Amino acid sequence: MEKVNEIVTIAPTVLDLESNFANNIITKYALTTITSKKDIDYKSVKKEAVENIEALEPEDGLQVMLSAQMNSVHALQQNMMLYANAATNSDVAQKYVNIVTKLSNVFIQ
């Protein structure tokens, strides 16, 4: 959390972890990484979301949003590949692979 706290001192109105802005970004990103409604440890999911965003070292609010989006897309890609590998029907597996391909193009175009 040190990096986020450093950012907070740079732009307290934008990235204050207690603010609605930061909380909404972290919460929405954390929710995209949850694959099952059983036994959710929301605190650890939220902590991981903060750590993943901090790893990209965002410097302002826009970069925080892009970091959250990049991490969310990555988590979704990983989940879709798991589903594709577990699919017993080749048509279903191909649909998951197609989703991964589309998600891969999010930041390319």
C-alpha atoms as a PDB file:
ATOM      1  CA  MET A   1       0.000   0.000   0.000  1.00  0.00           C
ATOM      2  CA  GLU A   2       2.992   2.298   0.165  1.00  0.00           C
ATOM      3  CA  LYS A   3       2.822   3.247  -3.521  1.00  0.00           C
ATOM      4  CA  VAL A   4      -0.861   4.142  -3.304  1.00  0.00           C
ATOM      5  CA  ASN A   5      -0.139   6.218  -0.210  1.00  0.00           C
ATOM      6  CA  GLU A   6       2.624   7.997  -2.129  1.00  0.00           C
ATOM      7  CA  ILE A   7       0.178   8.692  -4.942  1.00  0.00           C
ATOM      8  CA  VAL A   8      -2.335   9.953  -2.411  1.00  0.00           C
ATOM      9  CA  THR A   9       0.132  12.595  -1.291  1.00  0.00           C
ATOM     10  CA  ILE A  10       0.598  13.681  -4.915  1.00  0.00           C
ATOM     11  CA  ALA A  11      -3.110  13.887  -5.754  1.00  0.00           C
ATOM     12  CA  PRO A  12      -5.180  13.453  -2.590  1.00  0.00           C
ATOM     13  CA  THR A  13      -8.486  14.438  -4.169  1.00  0.00           C
ATOM     14  CA  VAL A  14      -8.086  11.851  -6.913  1.00  0.00           C
ATOM     15  CA  LEU A  15      -6.555   8.779  -5.274  1.00  0.00           C
ATOM     16  CA  ASP A  16      -7.397   8.928  -1.602  1.00  0.00           C
ATOM     17  CA  LEU A  17      -8.141   5.297  -0.702  1.00  0.00           C
ATOM     18  CA  GLU A  18     -11.036   6.451   1.442  1.00  0.00           C
ATOM     19  CA  SER A  19     -12.564   8.357  -1.486  1.00  0.00           C
ATOM     20  CA  ASN A  20     -15.454   6.991  -3.509  1.00  0.00           C
ATOM     21  CA  PHE A  21     -13.345   7.205  -6.678  1.00  0.00           C
ATOM     22  CA  ALA A  22     -10.567   4.911  -5.478  1.00  0.00           C
ATOM     23  CA  ASN A  23     -12.948   2.600  -3.661  1.00  0.00           C
ATOM     24  CA  ASN A  24     -15.115   2.190  -6.762  1.00  0.00           C
ATOM     25  CA  ILE A  25     -12.130   1.363  -8.952  1.00  0.00           C
ATOM     26  CA  ILE A  26     -10.684  -1.135  -6.471  1.00  0.00           C
ATOM     27  CA  THR A  27     -14.063  -2.723  -5.734  1.00  0.00           C
ATOM     28  CA  LYS A  28     -15.067  -3.109  -9.379  1.00  0.00           C
ATOM     29  CA  TYR A  29     -11.690  -4.567 -10.268  1.00  0.00           C
ATOM     30  CA  ALA A  30     -11.813  -6.951  -7.313  1.00  0.00           C
ATOM     31  CA  LEU A  31     -15.273  -8.136  -8.337  1.00  0.00           C
ATOM     32  CA  THR A  32     -14.053  -9.057 -11.829  1.00  0.00           C
ATOM     33  CA  THR A  33     -11.538 -11.476 -10.348  1.00  0.00           C
ATOM     34  CA  ILE A  34     -14.080 -13.485  -8.348  1.00  0.00           C
ATOM     35  CA  THR A  35     -14.960 -16.715 -10.127  1.00  0.00           C
ATOM     36  CA  SER A  36     -17.232 -18.305  -7.528  1.00  0.00           C
ATOM     37  CA  LYS A  37     -19.730 -16.974  -5.025  1.00  0.00           C
ATOM     38  CA  LYS A  38     -18.734 -19.629  -2.486  1.00  0.00           C
ATOM     39  CA  ASP A  39     -16.275 -18.816   0.267  1.00  0.00           C
ATOM     40  CA  ILE A  40     -15.274 -15.368  -0.964  1.00  0.00           C
ATOM     41  CA  ASP A  41     -12.689 -13.668   1.205  1.00  0.00           C
ATOM     42  CA  TYR A  42     -13.466 -10.181  -0.031  1.00  0.00           C
ATOM     43  CA  LYS A  43     -10.724  -8.538   2.038  1.00  0.00           C
ATOM     44  CA  SER A  44      -8.003 -10.640   0.415  1.00  0.00           C
ATOM     45  CA  VAL A  45      -9.522 -10.117  -3.039  1.00  0.00           C
ATOM     46  CA  LYS A  46      -9.547  -6.365  -2.480  1.00  0.00           C
ATOM     47  CA  LYS A  47      -5.985  -6.466  -1.095  1.00  0.00           C
ATOM     48  CA  GLU A  48      -4.831  -8.359  -4.188  1.00  0.00           C
ATOM     49  CA  ALA A  49      -6.567  -5.796  -6.403  1.00  0.00           C
ATOM     50  CA  VAL A  50      -4.707  -2.955  -4.684  1.00  0.00           C
ATOM     51  CA  GLU A  51      -1.391  -4.825  -4.962  1.00  0.00           C
ATOM     52  CA  ASN A  52      -1.915  -5.523  -8.670  1.00  0.00           C
ATOM     53  CA  ILE A  53      -2.745  -1.903  -9.400  1.00  0.00           C
ATOM     54  CA  GLU A  54       0.244  -0.717  -7.353  1.00  0.00           C
ATOM     55  CA  ALA A  55       2.537  -3.068  -9.292  1.00  0.00           C
ATOM     56  CA  LEU A  56       1.952  -0.975 -12.411  1.00  0.00           C
ATOM     57  CA  GLU A  57       2.949   2.168 -10.496  1.00  0.00           C
ATOM     58  CA  PRO A  58       0.163   4.514 -11.653  1.00  0.00           C
ATOM     59  CA  GLU A  59       0.849   8.209 -11.230  1.00  0.00           C
ATOM     60  CA  ASP A  60      -2.637   9.712 -11.499  1.00  0.00           C
ATOM     61  CA  GLY A  61      -6.323   8.837 -11.577  1.00  0.00           C
ATOM     62  CA  LEU A  62      -6.371   7.956 -15.268  1.00  0.00           C
ATOM     63  CA  GLN A  63      -3.455   5.565 -14.862  1.00  0.00           C
ATOM     64  CA  VAL A  64      -5.176   3.945 -11.872  1.00  0.00           C
ATOM     65  CA  MET A  65      -8.261   3.328 -14.020  1.00  0.00           C
ATOM     66  CA  LEU A  66      -6.149   1.908 -16.856  1.00  0.00           C
ATOM     67  CA  SER A  67      -4.250  -0.296 -14.392  1.00  0.00           C
ATOM     68  CA  ALA A  68      -7.499  -1.658 -13.025  1.00  0.00           C
ATOM     69  CA  GLN A  69      -8.802  -2.282 -16.529  1.00  0.00           C
ATOM     70  CA  MET A  70      -5.590  -4.026 -17.617  1.00  0.00           C
ATOM     71  CA  ASN A  71      -5.627  -6.254 -14.551  1.00  0.00           C
ATOM     72  CA  SER A  72      -9.332  -7.045 -14.991  1.00  0.00           C
ATOM     73  CA  VAL A  73      -8.865  -7.984 -18.633  1.00  0.00           C
ATOM     74  CA  HIS A  74      -5.886 -10.148 -17.698  1.00  0.00           C
ATOM     75  CA  ALA A  75      -7.887 -11.944 -14.979  1.00  0.00           C
ATOM     76  CA  LEU A  76     -10.752 -12.549 -17.407  1.00  0.00           C
ATOM     77  CA  GLN A  77      -8.329 -13.898 -20.032  1.00  0.00           C
ATOM     78  CA  GLN A  78      -6.856 -16.314 -17.525  1.00  0.00           C
ATOM     79  CA  ASN A  79     -10.306 -17.524 -16.458  1.00  0.00           C
ATOM     80  CA  MET A  80     -11.458 -18.001 -20.048  1.00  0.00           C
ATOM     81  CA  MET A  81      -8.347 -20.081 -20.809  1.00  0.00           C
ATOM     82  CA  LEU A  82      -9.089 -22.246 -17.776  1.00  0.00           C
ATOM     83  CA  TYR A  83     -12.640 -22.749 -19.055  1.00  0.00           C
ATOM     84  CA  ALA A  84     -11.371 -23.500 -22.569  1.00  0.00           C
ATOM     85  CA  ASN A  85      -8.944 -26.106 -21.250  1.00  0.00           C
ATOM     86  CA  ALA A  86     -11.643 -27.700 -19.093  1.00  0.00           C
ATOM     87  CA  ALA A  87     -14.288 -27.763 -21.844  1.00  0.00           C
ATOM     88  CA  THR A  88     -15.183 -31.232 -23.074  1.00  0.00           C
ATOM     89  CA  ASN A  89     -16.845 -29.944 -26.234  1.00  0.00           C
ATOM     90  CA  SER A  90     -14.551 -28.485 -28.896  1.00  0.00           C
ATOM     91  CA  ASP A  91     -17.149 -25.887 -29.961  1.00  0.00           C
ATOM     92  CA  VAL A  92     -17.416 -24.600 -26.395  1.00  0.00           C
ATOM     93  CA  ALA A  93     -13.625 -24.558 -26.056  1.00  0.00           C
ATOM     94  CA  GLN A  94     -13.337 -22.582 -29.302  1.00  0.00           C
ATOM     95  CA  LYS A  95     -15.817 -19.991 -28.020  1.00  0.00           C
ATOM     96  CA  TYR A  96     -13.706 -19.458 -24.909  1.00  0.00           C
ATOM     97  CA  VAL A  97     -10.558 -19.148 -27.037  1.00  0.00           C
ATOM     98  CA  ASN A  98     -12.362 -16.576 -29.201  1.00  0.00           C
ATOM     99  CA  ILE A  99     -13.210 -14.579 -26.074  1.00  0.00           C
ATOM    100  CA  VAL A 100      -9.542 -14.670 -25.024  1.00  0.00           C
ATOM    101  CA  THR A 101      -8.532 -13.443 -28.484  1.00  0.00           C
ATOM    102  CA  LYS A 102     -10.989 -10.549 -28.300  1.00  0.00           C
ATOM    103  CA  LEU A 103      -9.796  -9.636 -24.805  1.00  0.00           C
ATOM    104  CA  SER A 104      -6.199  -9.713 -26.092  1.00  0.00           C
ATOM    105  CA  ASN A 105      -7.075  -7.018 -28.619  1.00  0.00           C
ATOM    106  CA  VAL A 106      -8.468  -4.598 -26.021  1.00  0.00           C
ATOM    107  CA  PHE A 107      -5.240  -2.612 -25.709  1.00  0.00           C
ATOM    108  CA  ILE A 108      -3.858  -3.231 -29.191  1.00  0.00           C
ATOM    109  CA  GLN A 109      -6.355  -1.355 -31.345  1.00  0.00           C
END
